[in-house]
Protein backbone atom coordinates (compact mmCIF):
# COMPACT_ATOMS: atom_id res chain seq x y z
CA MET A 1 0.00 0.00 0.00
CA ILE A 2 2.80 2.41 0.90
CA THR A 3 4.72 1.45 -2.24
CA SER A 4 1.65 2.18 -4.33
CA GLN A 5 1.31 5.64 -2.78
CA PHE A 6 4.93 6.38 -3.60
CA SER A 7 4.42 5.27 -7.18
CA LYS A 8 1.49 7.62 -7.62
CA LYS A 9 3.72 10.49 -6.51
CA SER A 10 6.35 9.46 -9.11
CA GLU A 11 9.20 9.61 -6.62
CA ALA A 12 12.34 8.25 -8.27
CA TRP A 13 13.33 6.05 -5.31
CA SER A 14 9.87 5.11 -3.95
CA ALA A 15 10.20 1.32 -3.94
CA ARG A 16 13.23 1.39 -1.67
CA PHE A 17 11.49 3.04 1.30
CA SER A 18 8.88 1.80 3.77
CA GLU A 19 7.43 5.18 4.76
CA PRO A 20 6.91 8.50 3.00
CA VAL A 21 9.19 11.48 3.44
CA SER A 22 7.78 13.94 5.97
CA ASP A 23 6.54 17.31 4.78
CA LEU A 24 9.23 19.04 6.83
CA VAL A 25 11.97 17.00 5.16
CA LYS A 26 10.43 17.68 1.76
CA ARG A 27 10.64 21.40 2.35
CA TYR A 28 14.13 21.13 3.81
CA THR A 29 15.57 19.07 0.96
CA ALA A 30 13.65 20.51 -1.99
CA SER A 31 15.39 22.83 -4.43
CA VAL A 32 12.69 23.26 -7.04
CA PHE A 33 11.77 26.79 -6.10
CA PHE A 34 15.26 28.08 -6.82
CA ASP A 35 16.71 25.55 -9.28
CA LYS A 36 13.75 25.94 -11.63
CA ARG A 37 15.74 28.71 -13.27
CA LEU A 38 17.76 25.85 -14.77
CA ALA A 39 14.68 24.57 -16.59
CA GLN A 40 15.56 25.69 -20.11
CA VAL A 41 19.17 24.46 -19.91
CA ASP A 42 17.88 21.22 -18.38
CA ILE A 43 15.68 20.75 -21.44
CA GLN A 44 18.58 21.67 -23.71
CA GLY A 45 20.82 19.07 -22.08
CA SER A 46 18.07 16.44 -22.12
CA LEU A 47 17.42 16.91 -25.82
CA ALA A 48 21.11 16.49 -26.61
CA HIS A 49 21.19 13.36 -24.45
CA ALA A 50 18.08 11.99 -26.17
CA GLU A 51 19.52 12.68 -29.62
CA MET A 52 22.65 10.73 -28.68
CA LEU A 53 20.61 7.83 -27.25
CA HIS A 54 18.71 7.61 -30.54
CA PHE A 55 21.88 7.88 -32.65
CA GLN A 56 23.47 5.11 -30.56
CA HIS A 57 20.32 2.91 -31.03
CA ILE A 58 19.66 2.94 -27.29
CA ILE A 59 16.15 4.37 -27.79
CA THR A 60 13.94 4.19 -30.88
CA LYS A 61 13.14 7.04 -33.25
CA GLU A 62 9.54 6.96 -32.04
CA ASP A 63 10.70 7.48 -28.46
CA TYR A 64 13.08 10.23 -29.53
CA ASP A 65 10.36 12.05 -31.47
CA ALA A 66 8.00 11.79 -28.52
CA ILE A 67 10.66 13.20 -26.19
CA VAL A 68 11.32 16.13 -28.55
CA GLY A 69 7.63 16.87 -28.85
CA GLY A 70 7.07 16.69 -25.12
CA MET A 71 10.08 18.84 -24.31
CA THR A 72 9.02 21.43 -26.85
CA GLN A 73 5.64 21.74 -25.15
CA ILE A 74 7.23 21.84 -21.67
CA SER A 75 9.59 24.61 -22.78
CA SER A 76 6.64 26.63 -24.03
CA GLU A 77 4.70 26.08 -20.81
CA ILE A 78 7.65 27.23 -18.71
CA ALA A 79 8.20 30.30 -20.88
CA ALA A 80 4.51 31.16 -20.64
CA GLY A 81 4.44 30.66 -16.87
CA THR A 82 1.80 27.93 -17.03
CA PHE A 83 4.01 25.04 -15.94
CA THR A 84 3.05 23.62 -12.54
CA TRP A 85 6.00 23.18 -10.17
CA LEU A 86 5.44 20.60 -7.43
CA LEU A 87 7.31 20.54 -4.12
CA ASP A 88 6.73 16.79 -3.86
CA LEU A 89 8.95 16.32 -6.92
CA GLU A 90 11.87 18.00 -5.16
CA ASP A 91 13.78 19.61 -8.03
CA VAL A 92 13.62 20.96 -11.56
CA HIS A 93 14.72 17.64 -13.07
CA LEU A 94 11.98 15.44 -11.58
CA ASN A 95 9.33 18.07 -12.27
CA ILE A 96 10.22 18.17 -15.94
CA GLU A 97 10.56 14.38 -16.14
CA LYS A 98 7.11 13.88 -14.62
CA ARG A 99 5.51 16.28 -17.07
CA LEU A 100 7.39 14.66 -19.96
CA THR A 101 6.06 11.25 -18.94
CA GLU A 102 2.54 12.68 -18.89
CA LEU A 103 3.02 13.97 -22.43
CA ALA A 104 5.20 11.24 -23.97
CA GLY A 105 4.33 8.14 -21.94
CA ASP A 106 7.02 5.47 -21.63
CA ALA A 107 9.32 7.45 -23.91
CA GLY A 108 9.61 10.02 -21.14
CA LYS A 109 10.68 7.32 -18.72
CA ARG A 110 13.40 6.17 -21.13
CA LEU A 111 15.06 9.59 -21.31
CA HIS A 112 16.99 9.00 -18.09
CA THR A 113 18.75 5.96 -19.57
CA GLY A 114 22.51 6.27 -19.20
CA ARG A 115 22.51 9.29 -16.94
CA SER A 116 21.92 10.31 -13.31
CA ARG A 117 20.69 13.49 -11.72
CA ASN A 118 24.29 13.87 -10.54
CA ASP A 119 25.75 14.40 -14.01
CA GLN A 120 22.52 16.03 -15.18
CA VAL A 121 22.64 18.85 -12.64
CA ALA A 122 26.38 19.34 -13.14
CA THR A 123 25.71 19.78 -16.85
CA ASP A 124 22.81 22.14 -16.25
CA ILE A 125 24.86 24.39 -13.97
CA ARG A 126 27.69 24.56 -16.49
CA LEU A 127 25.29 25.42 -19.31
CA TYR A 128 23.66 28.09 -17.16
CA LEU A 129 26.96 29.57 -16.00
CA ARG A 130 28.43 29.57 -19.49
CA GLY A 131 25.52 31.69 -20.68
CA ALA A 132 25.81 33.98 -17.65
CA ILE A 133 29.52 34.51 -18.30
CA ASP A 134 28.82 35.42 -21.92
CA ASP A 135 26.22 37.96 -20.77
CA ILE A 136 28.54 39.45 -18.15
CA LEU A 137 31.37 39.77 -20.67
CA ILE A 138 29.07 41.84 -22.87
CA LEU A 139 28.10 44.03 -19.90
CA LEU A 140 31.75 44.50 -18.93
CA ALA A 141 32.52 45.63 -22.48
CA GLN A 142 29.61 48.09 -22.41
CA PHE A 143 30.71 49.47 -19.04
CA ARG A 144 34.30 49.87 -20.20
CA SER A 145 33.09 51.60 -23.35
CA ALA A 146 31.06 54.05 -21.24
CA LEU A 147 34.12 54.76 -19.09
CA LEU A 148 36.19 55.33 -22.23
CA ASP A 149 33.63 57.88 -23.41
CA LEU A 150 33.91 59.67 -20.08
CA ALA A 151 37.71 59.53 -20.17
CA GLU A 152 37.79 60.97 -23.68
CA GLN A 153 35.52 63.85 -22.70
CA GLN A 154 37.80 64.65 -19.75
CA ALA A 155 41.22 63.86 -21.21
CA ASP A 156 42.46 67.40 -20.43
CA THR A 157 40.63 67.90 -17.12
CA ILE A 158 43.17 68.25 -14.32
CA MET A 159 42.49 66.85 -10.88
CA PRO A 160 44.65 65.93 -7.90
CA GLY A 161 45.97 62.41 -7.77
CA PHE A 162 46.08 61.02 -4.26
CA THR A 163 48.16 58.68 -2.17
CA HIS A 164 47.13 58.07 1.44
CA MET A 165 44.12 60.29 0.52
CA GLN A 166 46.55 63.23 0.44
CA VAL A 167 47.17 65.35 -2.66
CA ALA A 168 50.15 63.78 -4.44
CA GLN A 169 50.57 64.88 -8.08
CA PRO A 170 48.34 66.38 -10.75
CA ILE A 171 46.67 63.90 -13.09
CA THR A 172 43.81 64.11 -15.55
CA PHE A 173 40.35 62.81 -14.82
CA GLY A 174 40.54 60.89 -18.09
CA HIS A 175 43.65 59.11 -16.84
CA HIS A 176 41.89 58.28 -13.59
CA MET A 177 38.96 56.71 -15.46
CA LEU A 178 41.34 54.64 -17.58
CA ALA A 179 42.64 52.99 -14.41
CA TYR A 180 39.18 51.48 -13.95
CA VAL A 181 38.99 50.51 -17.61
CA GLU A 182 42.19 48.51 -17.05
CA MET A 183 40.80 46.88 -13.90
CA PHE A 184 37.61 45.78 -15.57
CA GLY A 185 39.65 44.60 -18.56
CA ARG A 186 41.52 42.18 -16.31
CA ASP A 187 38.16 41.04 -14.95
CA ALA A 188 37.05 40.27 -18.50
CA GLU A 189 40.24 38.29 -19.11
CA ARG A 190 39.67 36.27 -15.94
CA LEU A 191 36.07 35.56 -16.91
CA ALA A 192 37.06 34.43 -20.40
CA ASP A 193 39.68 32.13 -18.89
CA CYS A 194 37.19 30.80 -16.32
CA ARG A 195 34.77 30.02 -19.16
CA LYS A 196 37.26 27.51 -20.59
CA ARG A 197 37.00 25.38 -17.45
CA VAL A 198 33.24 25.84 -17.21
CA ASN A 199 32.82 24.60 -20.78
CA ARG A 200 33.48 20.90 -20.15
CA LEU A 201 30.74 18.27 -20.27
CA PRO A 202 29.99 16.09 -17.19
CA LEU A 203 27.06 14.26 -18.79
CA GLY A 204 27.83 10.58 -19.24
CA ALA A 205 29.53 10.26 -15.87
CA ALA A 206 26.11 9.09 -14.59
CA ALA A 207 25.97 8.73 -10.81
CA LEU A 208 29.74 8.46 -10.32
CA ALA A 209 31.22 5.55 -12.30
CA GLY A 210 29.94 6.04 -15.84
CA THR A 211 27.34 3.83 -17.52
CA THR A 212 27.13 0.39 -19.12
CA PHE A 213 25.28 1.79 -22.15
CA PRO A 214 27.25 2.51 -25.36
CA ILE A 215 26.96 6.29 -25.09
CA ASP A 216 28.88 8.87 -27.15
CA ARG A 217 29.86 11.67 -24.80
CA GLU A 218 31.81 13.56 -27.45
CA ARG A 219 28.68 13.75 -29.58
CA VAL A 220 26.71 15.32 -26.73
CA ALA A 221 29.56 17.73 -26.03
CA ALA A 222 29.60 18.86 -29.67
CA THR A 223 25.80 19.24 -29.73
CA LEU A 224 25.83 21.42 -26.62
CA GLY A 225 28.88 23.44 -27.66
CA PHE A 226 31.24 22.13 -24.97
CA ASP A 227 34.96 22.21 -25.74
CA GLU A 228 35.55 18.75 -24.28
CA VAL A 229 34.21 16.23 -21.78
CA CYS A 230 35.17 15.89 -18.13
CA PHE A 231 37.57 12.96 -18.25
CA ASN A 232 37.03 11.42 -14.80
CA SER A 233 33.51 10.36 -13.86
CA LEU A 234 34.04 10.86 -10.11
CA ASP A 235 35.39 14.36 -10.64
CA ALA A 236 32.73 15.17 -13.23
CA VAL A 237 29.81 14.85 -10.80
CA SER A 238 31.49 16.25 -7.69
CA ASP A 239 33.52 19.15 -9.11
CA ARG A 240 32.34 22.65 -8.32
CA ASP A 241 35.70 24.34 -8.91
CA PHE A 242 34.23 26.12 -11.90
CA ALA A 243 31.52 27.74 -9.77
CA ILE A 244 34.02 28.76 -7.10
CA GLU A 245 36.34 30.20 -9.74
CA PHE A 246 33.49 32.20 -11.22
CA CYS A 247 32.54 33.54 -7.79
CA ALA A 248 36.16 34.51 -7.13
CA THR A 249 36.22 36.42 -10.41
CA ALA A 250 32.87 37.99 -9.57
CA ALA A 251 34.21 39.04 -6.16
CA LEU A 252 37.07 40.84 -7.90
CA ILE A 253 34.65 42.56 -10.28
CA MET A 254 32.61 43.76 -7.32
CA THR A 255 35.77 44.82 -5.47
CA HIS A 256 36.65 47.07 -8.39
CA ILE A 257 33.07 48.33 -8.49
CA SER A 258 33.31 49.05 -4.76
CA ARG A 259 36.58 50.99 -5.11
CA MET A 260 35.03 53.13 -7.82
CA SER A 261 31.87 53.54 -5.74
CA GLU A 262 33.89 54.81 -2.79
CA GLU A 263 35.47 57.48 -4.97
CA LEU A 264 32.15 58.49 -6.52
CA VAL A 265 30.63 58.92 -3.06
CA ILE A 266 33.58 61.01 -1.87
CA TRP A 267 33.72 63.10 -5.05
CA MET A 268 30.00 63.85 -4.92
CA SER A 269 30.17 65.16 -1.36
CA PRO A 270 29.64 68.98 -1.33
CA ARG A 271 32.87 69.24 0.68
CA ILE A 272 34.72 67.87 -2.36
CA GLY A 273 32.35 68.61 -5.23
CA PHE A 274 34.34 67.00 -8.04
CA ILE A 275 31.30 65.42 -9.72
CA ASP A 276 27.57 65.14 -9.71
CA ILE A 277 25.61 61.98 -10.46
CA ALA A 278 22.39 62.11 -12.44
CA ASP A 279 19.24 62.28 -10.32
CA ARG A 280 17.95 58.93 -11.57
CA PHE A 281 20.73 57.17 -9.67
CA CYS A 282 20.19 59.04 -6.40
CA THR A 283 17.52 59.43 -3.74
CA GLY A 284 16.56 62.05 -1.19
CA SER A 285 15.92 62.03 2.51
CA SER A 286 12.60 61.54 4.27
CA ILE A 287 13.43 64.35 6.68
CA MET A 288 16.14 66.55 5.09
CA PRO A 289 14.78 68.13 1.91
CA GLN A 290 18.19 69.30 0.67
CA LYS A 291 19.74 65.84 0.49
CA LYS A 292 20.79 64.06 -2.71
CA ASN A 293 22.24 60.72 -1.74
CA PRO A 294 24.42 58.59 -4.08
CA ASP A 295 22.48 55.43 -3.27
CA VAL A 296 23.61 53.35 -6.23
CA PRO A 297 27.35 53.53 -5.45
CA GLU A 298 26.65 53.08 -1.76
CA LEU A 299 24.54 49.99 -2.33
CA ALA A 300 27.13 48.56 -4.72
CA ARG A 301 29.71 48.81 -1.94
CA GLY A 302 27.35 46.80 0.27
CA LYS A 303 26.60 44.21 -2.39
CA THR A 304 30.32 43.59 -2.73
CA GLY A 305 30.28 42.04 0.74
CA ARG A 306 27.35 39.90 -0.33
CA VAL A 307 29.27 38.49 -3.31
CA ASN A 308 32.39 37.97 -1.21
CA GLY A 309 30.23 36.02 1.22
CA HIS A 310 28.97 33.75 -1.55
CA LEU A 311 32.56 32.92 -2.50
CA ILE A 312 33.36 31.94 1.09
CA ALA A 313 30.12 29.94 1.28
CA LEU A 314 31.07 27.84 -1.76
CA LEU A 315 34.62 27.29 -0.54
CA THR A 316 33.28 26.17 2.82
CA LEU A 317 30.64 23.99 1.14
CA MET A 318 33.29 22.00 -0.73
CA LYS A 319 36.09 21.81 1.81
CA GLY A 320 34.90 18.70 3.65
CA GLN A 321 33.21 16.68 0.93
CA PRO A 322 34.45 13.20 0.09
CA LEU A 323 34.05 11.97 -3.49
CA ALA A 324 31.69 11.80 -5.23
CA TYR A 325 28.35 13.66 -5.16
CA ASN A 326 26.83 14.65 -1.82
CA LYS A 327 23.57 16.41 -0.98
CA ASP A 328 25.66 19.33 0.29
CA ASN A 329 26.12 20.33 -3.34
CA GLN A 330 22.50 21.39 -3.55
CA GLU A 331 23.65 24.45 -1.59
CA ASP A 332 25.83 25.60 -4.49
CA LYS A 333 23.00 27.06 -6.53
CA GLU A 334 21.58 29.91 -4.48
CA PRO A 335 24.98 31.59 -3.87
CA LEU A 336 25.89 31.10 -7.52
CA PHE A 337 22.56 32.41 -8.82
CA ASP A 338 22.66 35.44 -6.54
CA THR A 339 26.24 36.21 -7.55
CA VAL A 340 25.26 36.14 -11.21
CA ASP A 341 22.24 38.36 -10.56
CA THR A 342 24.17 40.85 -8.43
CA VAL A 343 27.08 41.26 -10.86
CA THR A 344 24.75 41.44 -13.87
CA ASP A 345 22.48 44.07 -12.34
CA THR A 346 25.40 46.10 -10.99
CA LEU A 347 27.28 46.23 -14.29
CA ARG A 348 24.13 47.12 -16.20
CA ILE A 349 23.32 50.06 -13.92
CA PHE A 350 26.94 51.27 -13.69
CA ALA A 351 27.28 51.37 -17.47
CA ASP A 352 24.24 53.63 -17.54
CA MET A 353 25.40 55.69 -14.56
CA ALA A 354 28.80 56.40 -16.16
CA GLY A 355 26.96 58.41 -18.79
CA GLY A 356 25.19 60.34 -16.04
CA ILE A 357 28.33 61.67 -14.32
CA THR A 358 28.85 65.44 -14.56
CA VAL A 359 32.45 66.51 -13.97
CA LYS A 360 33.27 69.81 -12.25
CA PRO A 361 36.70 70.80 -13.58
CA GLU A 362 37.09 74.00 -11.56
CA ALA A 363 36.61 72.21 -8.23
CA MET A 364 39.18 69.64 -9.29
CA ARG A 365 41.63 72.34 -10.31
CA VAL A 366 41.29 74.21 -7.02
CA ALA A 367 41.91 70.98 -5.11
CA ALA A 368 45.00 70.20 -7.19
CA LEU A 369 46.45 73.58 -6.23
CA GLN A 370 45.96 72.98 -2.51
CA GLY A 371 48.50 70.27 -1.85
CA TYR A 372 51.74 71.38 -3.56
CA ALA A 373 51.05 68.80 -6.25
CA THR A 374 53.89 70.05 -8.47
CA ALA A 375 56.59 69.59 -5.82
CA THR A 376 57.87 66.44 -7.53
CA ASP A 377 58.10 68.39 -10.79
CA LEU A 378 60.38 70.90 -9.09
CA ALA A 379 62.56 68.06 -7.81
CA ASP A 380 62.70 66.50 -11.28
CA TYR A 381 63.64 69.91 -12.72
CA LEU A 382 66.61 70.16 -10.36
CA VAL A 383 67.72 66.61 -11.18
CA LYS A 384 67.69 67.47 -14.89
CA LYS A 385 69.95 70.42 -13.99
CA GLY A 386 72.45 67.99 -12.46
CA LEU A 387 71.48 67.85 -8.77
CA PRO A 388 71.30 64.34 -7.23
CA PHE A 389 67.69 63.38 -6.56
CA ARG A 390 68.05 63.09 -2.79
CA ASP A 391 69.52 66.60 -2.64
CA ALA A 392 66.76 67.86 -4.92
CA HIS A 393 64.17 66.20 -2.67
CA GLU A 394 65.59 67.97 0.37
CA ALA A 395 65.71 71.37 -1.34
CA VAL A 396 62.08 71.09 -2.46
CA ALA A 397 61.00 69.97 1.01
CA HIS A 398 62.40 73.23 2.39
CA ALA A 399 60.59 75.16 -0.33
CA VAL A 400 57.31 73.49 0.54
CA LYS A 401 57.81 74.25 4.24
CA THR A 402 58.29 77.91 3.37
CA CYS A 403 55.09 77.86 1.29
CA VAL A 404 53.19 76.27 4.17
CA ASP A 405 54.36 79.07 6.47
CA LYS A 406 53.39 81.71 3.92
CA ALA A 407 50.12 79.95 2.93
CA CYS A 408 51.01 80.12 -0.76
CA ASP A 409 51.75 77.72 -3.63
CA LEU A 410 55.21 76.98 -5.01
CA SER A 411 54.31 78.85 -8.17
CA ASP A 412 53.51 81.94 -6.07
CA LEU A 413 57.12 82.30 -4.85
CA PRO A 414 59.15 84.81 -6.86
CA LEU A 415 62.25 83.58 -8.66
CA ASP A 416 64.71 85.12 -6.19
CA GLU A 417 63.05 83.28 -3.29
CA LEU A 418 63.02 80.00 -5.20
CA ARG A 419 66.73 80.41 -5.92
CA VAL A 420 67.36 80.42 -2.17
CA PHE A 421 66.65 76.72 -2.22
CA SER A 422 68.88 76.04 -5.24
CA PRO A 423 70.89 78.34 -7.53
CA LEU A 424 70.05 75.95 -10.38
CA ILE A 425 66.53 77.34 -10.56
CA ASP A 426 65.94 79.72 -13.49
CA ALA A 427 62.97 81.57 -14.96
CA ASP A 428 61.87 78.47 -16.90
CA ILE A 429 60.78 76.91 -13.62
CA PHE A 430 57.36 78.55 -13.75
CA ALA A 431 56.34 76.52 -16.79
CA VAL A 432 57.25 73.42 -14.81
CA LEU A 433 55.24 74.44 -11.76
CA THR A 434 51.92 74.83 -13.62
CA LEU A 435 49.38 72.04 -13.42
CA GLU A 436 49.22 71.84 -17.21
CA GLY A 437 52.99 71.63 -17.48
CA SER A 438 53.10 68.89 -14.86
CA VAL A 439 50.64 66.57 -16.58
CA ALA A 440 51.96 67.30 -20.07
CA ALA A 441 55.48 66.36 -18.98
CA ARG A 442 54.42 62.81 -18.22
CA ASP A 443 54.29 61.98 -21.90
CA HIS A 444 55.05 58.26 -22.02
CA VAL A 445 53.07 55.03 -22.24
CA GLY A 446 50.92 54.83 -19.13
CA GLY A 447 51.48 58.49 -18.25
CA THR A 448 48.82 61.06 -17.46
CA ALA A 449 49.64 63.48 -20.30
CA PRO A 450 46.46 64.21 -22.30
CA LYS A 451 48.22 62.99 -25.45
CA GLN A 452 48.92 59.64 -23.79
CA VAL A 453 45.38 59.44 -22.42
CA ARG A 454 43.99 59.77 -25.94
CA LEU A 455 46.42 57.19 -27.30
CA ALA A 456 45.42 54.79 -24.51
CA ILE A 457 41.74 55.36 -25.27
CA ALA A 458 42.32 54.52 -28.95
CA ARG A 459 44.23 51.37 -28.00
CA LEU A 460 41.51 50.21 -25.61
CA ARG A 461 38.72 50.95 -28.07
CA ALA A 462 40.50 48.84 -30.67
CA LYS A 463 40.72 45.95 -28.20
CA LEU A 464 37.05 46.29 -27.33
CA GLY A 465 36.15 46.22 -31.02
């Protein structure tokens, strides 16, 4: 009687057990309400598996045609939102299999020949993640392109460069933006490299040891666009390195987003006033009517911690697992899905926000004049005149101290006072001490000179295509 009840519920292991699973355990172990996002890739993988089974004469053409017809209808039902997901069926795979059996009869039951849910889910996750990586690479390219546009507009705009959050040397805002273009470029390289290890087919490993059926794994790999198969069946079903690697790359993307966010928040503060961010990316205050808060960058900083946490969760999930598959691995999906969603949404909004940044050149210029940013230029000038750098450094330090006492800039000192610090100083020094002269002098690959900024922009645009 109990066995019959299990059969009616279509549970894959019903005959083995003498009592039904409790409702609490069903809810605790079920994944269907989050892994159903794998439905379309699950169907994609199943169709490739079915095609191979037919080609290898493991199932008949009639069964294959019935499976294709049933899966086509299921795909449409899922896309239309009319598919019924059942908690009793635990996960996306059993839900789809049950519906396929309703539509295709015994042919639906034959689909699972030569495979297990272990290699099936591993394949689904790789198909899903491969698509997500491709989408994120496009978004990274769009974001970098938006930053390049901003850099090109501001290639001549002078701002203070900072170390230790203290004014260091003059740079251009365009040069500053290109630093982020480089960061996100490395992120794209890491993602593309990660994709190579994602794009390997586990299907055919079955539960853990392979299958006795004469399957053709390479055929399935080619059908699904995988570069190669996973070559060890134990590793194929239990490996989640690819998901961890993706999350590590995602954590770096979000770290770079967070660094940029921190600067945007600081720059937008009225005390600094370097930029403004378009209203559509900001909110106000419920009590202070004057407020305009940079909520998007602030929230992105917070979401970085969320993505970092997902990386640690996956590392911890895998650290104690013996081979091969364990139920623990069900916990890989929610962190992975949320990481994909967070990075995707963040990049999409930041690409748009980059076009909504208004730069305030005068505020940047005033700030660059406040911290003796051309002091290094004066030292370099003396070195070019023959003074050893350490002596030049000391002479300029005395000059800066004098300027601090007088509350003036180096360029405000008359020539005779400057010559007190070194007789090598001549009238040409004043061209060196200007902000424009400082940035223009750094005219080499990677330098902040506007000419080099424009050359770097052209190089990066060519790489982006």
